PDB file of N, CA and C in Angstrom:
ATOM      1  N   MET A   1      -2.396 -55.364 150.237  1.00  0.00           N
ATOM      2  CA  MET A   1      -2.102 -56.485 151.087  1.00  0.00           C
ATOM      3  C   MET A   1      -2.314 -56.035 152.526  1.00  0.00           C
ATOM      4  N   GLU A   2      -2.944 -56.909 153.364  1.00  0.00           N
ATOM      5  CA  GLU A   2      -3.167 -56.547 154.785  1.00  0.00           C
ATOM      6  C   GLU A   2      -1.893 -56.794 155.616  1.00  0.00           C
ATOM      7  N   LEU A   3      -1.866 -56.078 156.702  1.00  0.00           N
ATOM      8  CA  LEU A   3      -0.679 -56.186 157.618  1.00  0.00           C
ATOM      9  C   LEU A   3      -0.466 -57.652 158.033  1.00  0.00           C
ATOM     10  N   SER A   4      -1.569 -58.372 158.288  1.00  0.00           N
ATOM     11  CA  SER A   4      -1.494 -59.747 158.741  1.00  0.00           C
ATOM     12  C   SER A   4      -0.689 -60.605 157.713  1.00  0.00           C
ATOM     13  N   ASN A   5      -0.910 -60.297 156.439  1.00  0.00           N
ATOM     14  CA  ASN A   5      -0.196 -61.087 155.452  1.00  0.00           C
ATOM     15  C   ASN A   5       1.303 -60.773 155.423  1.00  0.00           C
ATOM     16  N   TYR A   6       1.711 -59.511 155.676  1.00  0.00           N
ATOM     17  CA  TYR A   6       3.122 -59.132 155.806  1.00  0.00           C
ATOM     18  C   TYR A   6       3.723 -59.803 157.072  1.00  0.00           C
ATOM     19  N   ALA A   7       2.928 -59.822 158.139  1.00  0.00           N
ATOM     20  CA  ALA A   7       3.363 -60.530 159.333  1.00  0.00           C
ATOM     21  C   ALA A   7       3.631 -62.006 159.078  1.00  0.00           C
ATOM     22  N   LYS A   8       2.836 -62.629 158.282  1.00  0.00           N
ATOM     23  CA  LYS A   8       2.997 -63.993 157.920  1.00  0.00           C
ATOM     24  C   LYS A   8       4.356 -64.165 157.139  1.00  0.00           C
ATOM     25  N   ILE A   9       4.594 -63.343 156.232  1.00  0.00           N
ATOM     26  CA  ILE A   9       5.843 -63.369 155.446  1.00  0.00           C
ATOM     27  C   ILE A   9       7.031 -63.239 156.382  1.00  0.00           C
ATOM     28  N   PHE A  10       7.053 -62.228 157.161  1.00  0.00           N
ATOM     29  CA  PHE A  10       8.164 -62.012 158.096  1.00  0.00           C
ATOM     30  C   PHE A  10       8.390 -63.064 159.110  1.00  0.00           C
ATOM     31  N   LYS A  11       7.227 -63.634 159.532  1.00  0.00           N
ATOM     32  CA  LYS A  11       7.406 -64.844 160.483  1.00  0.00           C
ATOM     33  C   LYS A  11       7.998 -65.942 159.788  1.00  0.00           C
ATOM     34  N   ALA A  12       7.624 -66.209 158.495  1.00  0.00           N
ATOM     35  CA  ALA A  12       8.161 -67.368 157.747  1.00  0.00           C
ATOM     36  C   ALA A  12       9.713 -67.155 157.601  1.00  0.00           C
ATOM     37  N   LEU A  13      10.094 -65.915 157.348  1.00  0.00           N
ATOM     38  CA  LEU A  13      11.462 -65.677 157.124  1.00  0.00           C
ATOM     39  C   LEU A  13      12.386 -65.455 158.293  1.00  0.00           C
ATOM     40  N   SER A  14      11.660 -65.467 159.528  1.00  0.00           N
ATOM     41  CA  SER A  14      12.409 -65.232 160.826  1.00  0.00           C
ATOM     42  C   SER A  14      13.165 -66.558 161.188  1.00  0.00           C
ATOM     43  N   ASN A  15      12.888 -67.691 160.637  1.00  0.00           N
ATOM     44  CA  ASN A  15      13.610 -68.856 160.927  1.00  0.00           C
ATOM     45  C   ASN A  15      14.830 -68.962 160.001  1.00  0.00           C
ATOM     46  N   GLU A  16      15.941 -69.204 160.552  1.00  0.00           N
ATOM     47  CA  GLU A  16      17.243 -69.130 159.792  1.00  0.00           C
ATOM     48  C   GLU A  16      17.240 -70.166 158.633  1.00  0.00           C
ATOM     49  N   GLN A  17      16.731 -71.404 158.934  1.00  0.00           N
ATOM     50  CA  GLN A  17      16.715 -72.391 157.948  1.00  0.00           C
ATOM     51  C   GLN A  17      15.751 -72.117 156.793  1.00  0.00           C
ATOM     52  N   ARG A  18      14.631 -71.526 157.124  1.00  0.00           N
ATOM     53  CA  ARG A  18      13.702 -71.180 156.116  1.00  0.00           C
ATOM     54  C   ARG A  18      14.207 -70.022 155.250  1.00  0.00           C
ATOM     55  N   LEU A  19      14.876 -69.128 155.882  1.00  0.00           N
ATOM     56  CA  LEU A  19      15.484 -68.014 155.220  1.00  0.00           C
ATOM     57  C   LEU A  19      16.509 -68.538 154.233  1.00  0.00           C
ATOM     58  N   LYS A  20      17.312 -69.481 154.647  1.00  0.00           N
ATOM     59  CA  LYS A  20      18.361 -70.123 153.784  1.00  0.00           C
ATOM     60  C   LYS A  20      17.677 -70.767 152.630  1.00  0.00           C
ATOM     61  N   ILE A  21      16.654 -71.488 152.874  1.00  0.00           N
ATOM     62  CA  ILE A  21      15.934 -72.249 151.744  1.00  0.00           C
ATOM     63  C   ILE A  21      15.314 -71.179 150.773  1.00  0.00           C
ATOM     64  N   PHE A  22      14.718 -70.146 151.281  1.00  0.00           N
ATOM     65  CA  PHE A  22      14.170 -69.122 150.416  1.00  0.00           C
ATOM     66  C   PHE A  22      15.237 -68.413 149.624  1.00  0.00           C
ATOM     67  N   MET A  23      16.364 -68.091 150.256  1.00  0.00           N
ATOM     68  CA  MET A  23      17.506 -67.482 149.510  1.00  0.00           C
ATOM     69  C   MET A  23      17.996 -68.361 148.502  1.00  0.00           C
ATOM     70  N   MET A  24      18.085 -69.670 148.642  1.00  0.00           N
ATOM     71  CA  MET A  24      18.555 -70.610 147.623  1.00  0.00           C
ATOM     72  C   MET A  24      17.594 -70.607 146.498  1.00  0.00           C
ATOM     73  N   ILE A  25      16.302 -70.655 146.690  1.00  0.00           N
ATOM     74  CA  ILE A  25      15.320 -70.621 145.635  1.00  0.00           C
ATOM     75  C   ILE A  25      15.267 -69.275 144.910  1.00  0.00           C
ATOM     76  N   TYR A  26      15.337 -68.191 145.687  1.00  0.00           N
ATOM     77  CA  TYR A  26      15.322 -66.889 145.063  1.00  0.00           C
ATOM     78  C   TYR A  26      16.566 -66.661 144.274  1.00  0.00           C
ATOM     79  N   GLU A  27      17.721 -67.093 144.758  1.00  0.00           N
ATOM     80  CA  GLU A  27      18.926 -66.944 144.030  1.00  0.00           C
ATOM     81  C   GLU A  27      18.952 -67.598 142.716  1.00  0.00           C
ATOM     82  N   GLN A  28      18.351 -68.732 142.628  1.00  0.00           N
ATOM     83  CA  GLN A  28      18.284 -69.435 141.375  1.00  0.00           C
ATOM     84  C   GLN A  28      17.514 -68.664 140.393  1.00  0.00           C
ATOM     85  N   ARG A  29      16.454 -68.001 140.830  1.00  0.00           N
ATOM     86  CA  ARG A  29      15.595 -67.092 139.988  1.00  0.00           C
ATOM     87  C   ARG A  29      16.473 -65.910 139.478  1.00  0.00           C
ATOM     88  N   ALA A  30      17.249 -65.358 140.356  1.00  0.00           N
ATOM     89  CA  ALA A  30      18.055 -64.161 140.065  1.00  0.00           C
ATOM     90  C   ALA A  30      19.160 -64.554 139.043  1.00  0.00           C
ATOM     91  N   GLU A  31      19.764 -65.679 139.228  1.00  0.00           N
ATOM     92  CA  GLU A  31      20.810 -66.108 138.289  1.00  0.00           C
ATOM     93  C   GLU A  31      20.216 -66.322 136.836  1.00  0.00           C
ATOM     94  N   GLY A  32      19.000 -66.768 136.781  1.00  0.00           N
ATOM     95  CA  GLY A  32      18.390 -66.996 135.508  1.00  0.00           C
ATOM     96  C   GLY A  32      17.963 -65.793 134.757  1.00  0.00           C
ATOM     97  N   SER A  33      17.870 -64.639 135.481  1.00  0.00           N
ATOM     98  CA  SER A  33      17.408 -63.341 134.834  1.00  0.00           C
ATOM     99  C   SER A  33      18.522 -62.498 134.522  1.00  0.00           C
ATOM    100  N   ALA A  34      18.660 -61.459 135.277  1.00  0.00           N
ATOM    101  CA  ALA A  34      19.637 -60.359 134.943  1.00  0.00           C
ATOM    102  C   ALA A  34      21.035 -60.700 135.306  1.00  0.00           C
ATOM    103  N   GLY A  35      21.289 -61.875 135.795  1.00  0.00           N
ATOM    104  CA  GLY A  35      22.674 -62.197 136.091  1.00  0.00           C
ATOM    105  C   GLY A  35      23.043 -61.646 137.491  1.00  0.00           C
ATOM    106  N   GLY A  36      24.149 -61.966 137.995  1.00  0.00           N
ATOM    107  CA  GLY A  36      24.559 -61.392 139.252  1.00  0.00           C
ATOM    108  C   GLY A  36      23.854 -62.140 140.342  1.00  0.00           C
ATOM    109  N   THR A  37      24.451 -62.088 141.537  1.00  0.00           N
ATOM    110  CA  THR A  37      23.734 -62.797 142.625  1.00  0.00           C
ATOM    111  C   THR A  37      23.252 -61.795 143.665  1.00  0.00           C
ATOM    112  N   VAL A  38      22.035 -61.960 144.113  1.00  0.00           N
ATOM    113  CA  VAL A  38      21.363 -61.153 145.153  1.00  0.00           C
ATOM    114  C   VAL A  38      21.885 -61.533 146.535  1.00  0.00           C
ATOM    115  N   PHE A  39      21.985 -62.874 146.718  1.00  0.00           N
ATOM    116  CA  PHE A  39      22.329 -63.399 148.024  1.00  0.00           C
ATOM    117  C   PHE A  39      23.585 -64.215 147.800  1.00  0.00           C
ATOM    118  N   PRO A  40      24.766 -63.612 147.879  1.00  0.00           N
ATOM    119  CA  PRO A  40      25.993 -64.418 147.716  1.00  0.00           C
ATOM    120  C   PRO A  40      26.098 -65.576 148.677  1.00  0.00           C
ATOM    121  N   ALA A  41      25.583 -65.383 149.950  1.00  0.00           N
ATOM    122  CA  ALA A  41      25.723 -66.353 150.951  1.00  0.00           C
ATOM    123  C   ALA A  41      24.936 -67.664 150.563  1.00  0.00           C
ATOM    124  N   ALA A  42      23.891 -67.523 149.724  1.00  0.00           N
ATOM    125  CA  ALA A  42      23.097 -68.706 149.355  1.00  0.00           C
ATOM    126  C   ALA A  42      23.922 -69.494 148.381  1.00  0.00           C
ATOM    127  N   ALA A  43      24.718 -68.830 147.530  1.00  0.00           N
ATOM    128  CA  ALA A  43      25.514 -69.592 146.594  1.00  0.00           C
ATOM    129  C   ALA A  43      26.558 -70.446 147.363  1.00  0.00           C
ATOM    130  N   LYS A  44      27.099 -69.888 148.481  1.00  0.00           N
ATOM    131  CA  LYS A  44      28.064 -70.593 149.256  1.00  0.00           C
ATOM    132  C   LYS A  44      27.480 -71.729 150.006  1.00  0.00           C
ATOM    133  N   ALA A  45      26.139 -71.663 150.278  1.00  0.00           N
ATOM    134  CA  ALA A  45      25.447 -72.558 151.088  1.00  0.00           C
ATOM    135  C   ALA A  45      25.335 -73.925 150.428  1.00  0.00           C
ATOM    136  N   CYS A  46      25.417 -73.955 149.136  1.00  0.00           N
ATOM    137  CA  CYS A  46      25.124 -75.185 148.403  1.00  0.00           C
ATOM    138  C   CYS A  46      25.657 -75.100 146.989  1.00  0.00           C
ATOM    139  N   CYS A  47      25.899 -76.269 146.332  1.00  0.00           N
ATOM    140  CA  CYS A  47      26.188 -76.278 144.945  1.00  0.00           C
ATOM    141  C   CYS A  47      24.933 -75.815 144.197  1.00  0.00           C
ATOM    142  N   PRO A  48      25.042 -75.549 142.884  1.00  0.00           N
ATOM    143  CA  PRO A  48      23.882 -75.058 142.144  1.00  0.00           C
ATOM    144  C   PRO A  48      22.635 -75.865 142.405  1.00  0.00           C
ATOM    145  N   MET A  49      21.602 -75.180 142.621  1.00  0.00           N
ATOM    146  CA  MET A  49      20.294 -75.886 143.031  1.00  0.00           C
ATOM    147  C   MET A  49      19.363 -75.830 141.836  1.00  0.00           C
ATOM    148  N   GLU A  50      18.568 -76.833 141.712  1.00  0.00           N
ATOM    149  CA  GLU A  50      17.554 -76.971 140.624  1.00  0.00           C
ATOM    150  C   GLU A  50      16.209 -76.612 141.140  1.00  0.00           C
ATOM    151  N   LYS A  51      16.132 -75.906 142.134  1.00  0.00           N
ATOM    152  CA  LYS A  51      14.772 -75.542 142.781  1.00  0.00           C
ATOM    153  C   LYS A  51      13.937 -76.731 143.130  1.00  0.00           C
ATOM    154  N   ALA A  52      14.608 -77.826 143.424  1.00  0.00           N
ATOM    155  CA  ALA A  52      13.841 -79.061 143.782  1.00  0.00           C
ATOM    156  C   ALA A  52      14.011 -79.350 145.255  1.00  0.00           C
ATOM    157  N   PHE A  53      12.994 -79.863 145.834  1.00  0.00           N
ATOM    158  CA  PHE A  53      12.982 -80.279 147.218  1.00  0.00           C
ATOM    159  C   PHE A  53      14.144 -81.274 147.535  1.00  0.00           C
ATOM    160  N   THR A  54      14.383 -82.291 146.637  1.00  0.00           N
ATOM    161  CA  THR A  54      15.424 -83.149 146.912  1.00  0.00           C
ATOM    162  C   THR A  54      16.784 -82.510 146.928  1.00  0.00           C
ATOM    163  N   LYS A  55      16.961 -81.492 146.130  1.00  0.00           N
ATOM    164  CA  LYS A  55      18.277 -80.768 146.069  1.00  0.00           C
ATOM    165  C   LYS A  55      18.460 -80.015 147.355  1.00  0.00           C
ATOM    166  N   VAL A  56      17.382 -79.403 147.883  1.00  0.00           N
ATOM    167  CA  VAL A  56      17.546 -78.728 149.233  1.00  0.00           C
ATOM    168  C   VAL A  56      17.926 -79.721 150.297  1.00  0.00           C
ATOM    169  N   CYS A  57      17.297 -80.906 150.214  1.00  0.00           N
ATOM    170  CA  CYS A  57      17.627 -81.924 151.195  1.00  0.00           C
ATOM    171  C   CYS A  57      19.137 -82.326 151.161  1.00  0.00           C
ATOM    172  N   SER A  58      19.699 -82.352 149.980  1.00  0.00           N
ATOM    173  CA  SER A  58      21.079 -82.710 149.893  1.00  0.00           C
ATOM    174  C   SER A  58      21.983 -81.584 150.323  1.00  0.00           C
ATOM    175  N   CYS A  59      21.440 -80.325 150.379  1.00  0.00           N
ATOM    176  CA  CYS A  59      22.283 -79.137 150.809  1.00  0.00           C
ATOM    177  C   CYS A  59      22.228 -78.880 152.241  1.00  0.00           C
ATOM    178  N   LEU A  60      21.164 -79.137 152.871  1.00  0.00           N
ATOM    179  CA  LEU A  60      20.985 -78.848 154.234  1.00  0.00           C
ATOM    180  C   LEU A  60      21.078 -80.074 155.182  1.00  0.00           C
ATOM    181  N   ASP A  61      21.617 -79.955 156.354  1.00  0.00           N
ATOM    182  CA  ASP A  61      21.738 -81.072 157.222  1.00  0.00           C
ATOM    183  C   ASP A  61      20.436 -81.154 158.105  1.00  0.00           C
ATOM    184  N   LEU A  62      19.350 -81.353 157.539  1.00  0.00           N
ATOM    185  CA  LEU A  62      18.032 -81.436 158.179  1.00  0.00           C
ATOM    186  C   LEU A  62      17.260 -82.661 157.672  1.00  0.00           C
ATOM    187  N   SER A  63      16.352 -83.133 158.519  1.00  0.00           N
ATOM    188  CA  SER A  63      15.584 -84.235 158.071  1.00  0.00           C
ATOM    189  C   SER A  63      14.572 -83.846 156.979  1.00  0.00           C
ATOM    190  N   ARG A  64      14.145 -84.805 156.117  1.00  0.00           N
ATOM    191  CA  ARG A  64      13.166 -84.517 155.099  1.00  0.00           C
ATOM    192  C   ARG A  64      11.870 -83.839 155.687  1.00  0.00           C
ATOM    193  N   SER A  65      11.508 -84.420 156.799  1.00  0.00           N
ATOM    194  CA  SER A  65      10.245 -83.919 157.395  1.00  0.00           C
ATOM    195  C   SER A  65      10.344 -82.458 157.853  1.00  0.00           C
ATOM    196  N   THR A  66      11.529 -82.145 158.372  1.00  0.00           N
ATOM    197  CA  THR A  66      11.724 -80.713 158.778  1.00  0.00           C
ATOM    198  C   THR A  66      11.851 -79.832 157.591  1.00  0.00           C
ATOM    199  N   ILE A  67      12.569 -80.270 156.588  1.00  0.00           N
ATOM    200  CA  ILE A  67      12.557 -79.378 155.271  1.00  0.00           C
ATOM    201  C   ILE A  67      11.160 -79.225 154.677  1.00  0.00           C
ATOM    202  N   SER A  68      10.352 -80.299 154.725  1.00  0.00           N
ATOM    203  CA  SER A  68       9.021 -80.286 154.214  1.00  0.00           C
ATOM    204  C   SER A  68       8.233 -79.265 155.030  1.00  0.00           C
ATOM    205  N   HIS A  69       8.363 -79.213 156.352  1.00  0.00           N
ATOM    206  CA  HIS A  69       7.652 -78.243 157.162  1.00  0.00           C
ATOM    207  C   HIS A  69       8.135 -76.813 156.729  1.00  0.00           C
ATOM    208  N   HIS A  70       9.407 -76.632 156.537  1.00  0.00           N
ATOM    209  CA  HIS A  70       9.875 -75.293 156.162  1.00  0.00           C
ATOM    210  C   HIS A  70       9.242 -74.892 154.769  1.00  0.00           C
ATOM    211  N   PHE A  71       9.218 -75.818 153.874  1.00  0.00           N
ATOM    212  CA  PHE A  71       8.625 -75.505 152.525  1.00  0.00           C
ATOM    213  C   PHE A  71       7.051 -75.116 152.771  1.00  0.00           C
ATOM    214  N   LYS A  72       6.386 -75.839 153.559  1.00  0.00           N
ATOM    215  CA  LYS A  72       4.990 -75.563 153.781  1.00  0.00           C
ATOM    216  C   LYS A  72       4.789 -74.139 154.391  1.00  0.00           C
ATOM    217  N   GLU A  73       5.684 -73.762 155.300  1.00  0.00           N
ATOM    218  CA  GLU A  73       5.684 -72.483 155.846  1.00  0.00           C
ATOM    219  C   GLU A  73       5.885 -71.336 154.862  1.00  0.00           C
ATOM    220  N   LEU A  74       6.853 -71.609 153.934  1.00  0.00           N
ATOM    221  CA  LEU A  74       7.187 -70.597 152.901  1.00  0.00           C
ATOM    222  C   LEU A  74       6.064 -70.582 151.910  1.00  0.00           C
ATOM    223  N   GLN A  75       5.387 -71.730 151.600  1.00  0.00           N
ATOM    224  CA  GLN A  75       4.191 -71.697 150.705  1.00  0.00           C
ATOM    225  C   GLN A  75       3.027 -70.973 151.363  1.00  0.00           C
ATOM    226  N   ASN A  76       2.770 -71.229 152.641  1.00  0.00           N
ATOM    227  CA  ASN A  76       1.678 -70.601 153.321  1.00  0.00           C
ATOM    228  C   ASN A  76       1.845 -69.031 153.297  1.00  0.00           C
ATOM    229  N   ALA A  77       3.043 -68.601 153.384  1.00  0.00           N
ATOM    230  CA  ALA A  77       3.329 -67.206 153.336  1.00  0.00           C
ATOM    231  C   ALA A  77       3.395 -66.659 151.877  1.00  0.00           C
ATOM    232  N   LYS A  78       3.137 -67.576 150.983  1.00  0.00           N
ATOM    233  CA  LYS A  78       3.088 -67.223 149.543  1.00  0.00           C
ATOM    234  C   LYS A  78       4.413 -66.713 149.041  1.00  0.00           C
ATOM    235  N   LEU A  79       5.534 -67.106 149.676  1.00  0.00           N
ATOM    236  CA  LEU A  79       6.831 -66.673 149.175  1.00  0.00           C
ATOM    237  C   LEU A  79       7.411 -67.556 148.117  1.00  0.00           C
ATOM    238  N   ILE A  80       6.915 -68.837 148.071  1.00  0.00           N
ATOM    239  CA  ILE A  80       7.309 -69.761 147.014  1.00  0.00           C
ATOM    240  C   ILE A  80       6.056 -70.475 146.487  1.00  0.00           C
ATOM    241  N   THR A  81       6.178 -70.948 145.265  1.00  0.00           N
ATOM    242  CA  THR A  81       5.162 -71.928 144.758  1.00  0.00           C
ATOM    243  C   THR A  81       5.890 -73.183 144.352  1.00  0.00           C
ATOM    244  N   CYS A  82       5.232 -74.281 144.551  1.00  0.00           N
ATOM    245  CA  CYS A  82       5.833 -75.626 144.221  1.00  0.00           C
ATOM    246  C   CYS A  82       4.859 -76.381 143.376  1.00  0.00           C
ATOM    247  N   GLU A  83       5.410 -77.225 142.470  1.00  0.00           N
ATOM    248  CA  GLU A  83       4.646 -78.035 141.648  1.00  0.00           C
ATOM    249  C   GLU A  83       5.355 -79.366 141.552  1.00  0.00           C
ATOM    250  N   ARG A  84       4.572 -80.457 141.449  1.00  0.00           N
ATOM    251  CA  ARG A  84       5.179 -81.758 141.364  1.00  0.00           C
ATOM    252  C   ARG A  84       5.647 -82.032 139.957  1.00  0.00           C
ATOM    253  N   ASP A  85       6.828 -82.582 139.852  1.00  0.00           N
ATOM    254  CA  ASP A  85       7.488 -82.965 138.564  1.00  0.00           C
ATOM    255  C   ASP A  85       7.933 -84.422 138.745  1.00  0.00           C
ATOM    256  N   GLY A  86       7.075 -85.339 138.462  1.00  0.00           N
ATOM    257  CA  GLY A  86       7.375 -86.746 138.794  1.00  0.00           C
ATOM    258  C   GLY A  86       7.360 -87.010 140.243  1.00  0.00           C
ATOM    259  N   GLN A  87       8.560 -87.441 140.793  1.00  0.00           N
ATOM    260  CA  GLN A  87       8.674 -87.643 142.234  1.00  0.00           C
ATOM    261  C   GLN A  87       9.332 -86.443 142.857  1.00  0.00           C
ATOM    262  N   MET A  88       9.596 -85.387 142.057  1.00  0.00           N
ATOM    263  CA  MET A  88      10.208 -84.187 142.647  1.00  0.00           C
ATOM    264  C   MET A  88       9.265 -83.091 142.773  1.00  0.00           C
ATOM    265  N   PHE A  89       9.535 -82.117 143.636  1.00  0.00           N
ATOM    266  CA  PHE A  89       8.778 -80.852 143.753  1.00  0.00           C
ATOM    267  C   PHE A  89       9.767 -79.760 143.244  1.00  0.00           C
ATOM    268  N   ARG A  90       9.339 -79.102 142.237  1.00  0.00           N
ATOM    269  CA  ARG A  90      10.112 -77.934 141.742  1.00  0.00           C
ATOM    270  C   ARG A  90       9.474 -76.672 142.320  1.00  0.00           C
ATOM    271  N   CYS A  91      10.285 -75.909 142.913  1.00  0.00           N
ATOM    272  CA  CYS A  91       9.765 -74.657 143.604  1.00  0.00           C
ATOM    273  C   CYS A  91      10.425 -73.431 142.975  1.00  0.00           C
ATOM    274  N   LYS A  92       9.696 -72.379 143.044  1.00  0.00           N
ATOM    275  CA  LYS A  92      10.246 -71.068 142.576  1.00  0.00           C
ATOM    276  C   LYS A  92       9.687 -69.958 143.491  1.00  0.00           C
ATOM    277  N   ALA A  93      10.522 -68.868 143.462  1.00  0.00           N
ATOM    278  CA  ALA A  93      10.058 -67.724 144.211  1.00  0.00           C
ATOM    279  C   ALA A  93       8.765 -67.123 143.615  1.00  0.00           C
ATOM    280  N   ASN A  94       7.848 -66.684 144.400  1.00  0.00           N
ATOM    281  CA  ASN A  94       6.665 -66.081 144.008  1.00  0.00           C
ATOM    282  C   ASN A  94       6.825 -64.601 143.739  1.00  0.00           C
ATOM    283  N   ASP A  95       7.031 -64.200 142.416  1.00  0.00           N
ATOM    284  CA  ASP A  95       7.316 -62.856 142.045  1.00  0.00           C
ATOM    285  C   ASP A  95       6.310 -61.836 142.539  1.00  0.00           C
ATOM    286  N   GLU A  96       5.047 -62.190 142.596  1.00  0.00           N
ATOM    287  CA  GLU A  96       4.026 -61.248 143.031  1.00  0.00           C
ATOM    288  C   GLU A  96       4.270 -60.860 144.525  1.00  0.00           C
ATOM    289  N   THR A  97       4.471 -61.849 145.360  1.00  0.00           N
ATOM    290  CA  THR A  97       4.693 -61.611 146.786  1.00  0.00           C
ATOM    291  C   THR A  97       5.971 -60.844 146.931  1.00  0.00           C
ATOM    292  N   ILE A  98       7.062 -61.117 146.186  1.00  0.00           N
ATOM    293  CA  ILE A  98       8.270 -60.461 146.389  1.00  0.00           C
ATOM    294  C   ILE A  98       8.135 -58.992 145.941  1.00  0.00           C
ATOM    295  N   LYS A  99       7.364 -58.774 144.856  1.00  0.00           N
ATOM    296  CA  LYS A  99       7.083 -57.325 144.434  1.00  0.00           C
ATOM    297  C   LYS A  99       6.353 -56.589 145.538  1.00  0.00           C
ATOM    298  N   LEU A 100       5.354 -57.167 146.094  1.00  0.00           N
ATOM    299  CA  LEU A 100       4.539 -56.573 147.144  1.00  0.00           C
ATOM    300  C   LEU A 100       5.467 -56.234 148.439  1.00  0.00           C
ATOM    301  N   LEU A 101       6.318 -57.160 148.710  1.00  0.00           N
ATOM    302  CA  LEU A 101       7.232 -57.002 149.806  1.00  0.00           C
ATOM    303  C   LEU A 101       8.258 -55.917 149.534  1.00  0.00           C
ATOM    304  N   LYS A 102       8.749 -55.786 148.352  1.00  0.00           N
ATOM    305  CA  LYS A 102       9.725 -54.746 148.011  1.00  0.00           C
ATOM    306  C   LYS A 102       8.951 -53.382 148.088  1.00  0.00           C
ATOM    307  N   ASP A 103       7.748 -53.355 147.631  1.00  0.00           N
ATOM    308  CA  ASP A 103       6.992 -52.107 147.696  1.00  0.00           C
ATOM    309  C   ASP A 103       6.721 -51.678 149.162  1.00  0.00           C
ATOM    310  N   PHE A 104       6.416 -52.646 149.931  1.00  0.00           N
ATOM    311  CA  PHE A 104       6.188 -52.417 151.334  1.00  0.00           C
ATOM    312  C   PHE A 104       7.414 -51.836 152.043  1.00  0.00           C
ATOM    313  N   LEU A 105       8.547 -52.375 151.723  1.00  0.00           N
ATOM    314  CA  LEU A 105       9.848 -51.948 152.382  1.00  0.00           C
ATOM    315  C   LEU A 105      10.412 -50.670 151.788  1.00  0.00           C
ATOM    316  N   THR A 106       9.913 -50.149 150.719  1.00  0.00           N
ATOM    317  CA  THR A 106      10.403 -48.900 150.110  1.00  0.00           C
ATOM    318  C   THR A 106       9.495 -47.757 150.307  1.00  0.00           C
TER     319      THR A 106
END
């Protein structure tokens, strides 16, 4: 992965609200696998999340358009993937990008 891609990831995570959204999405993934929480602060930030845009909207005191913008930034950085499920968007952490990021940091 090129350095510009890493810069895009770190830029996306440099915003506190985007970081919180990413933590909520990533935490849901972590709870579903090996158990235990990676980001305990995310669990405190909201009740259990279903990885859905509407759930994030109910957890954060931000407008839907602002949250939508944050989701787009996280998607552009390839940190999350989203797919439509009826009128909802279900999002999950992008395991490939997370692995590349972990490799970069170690």
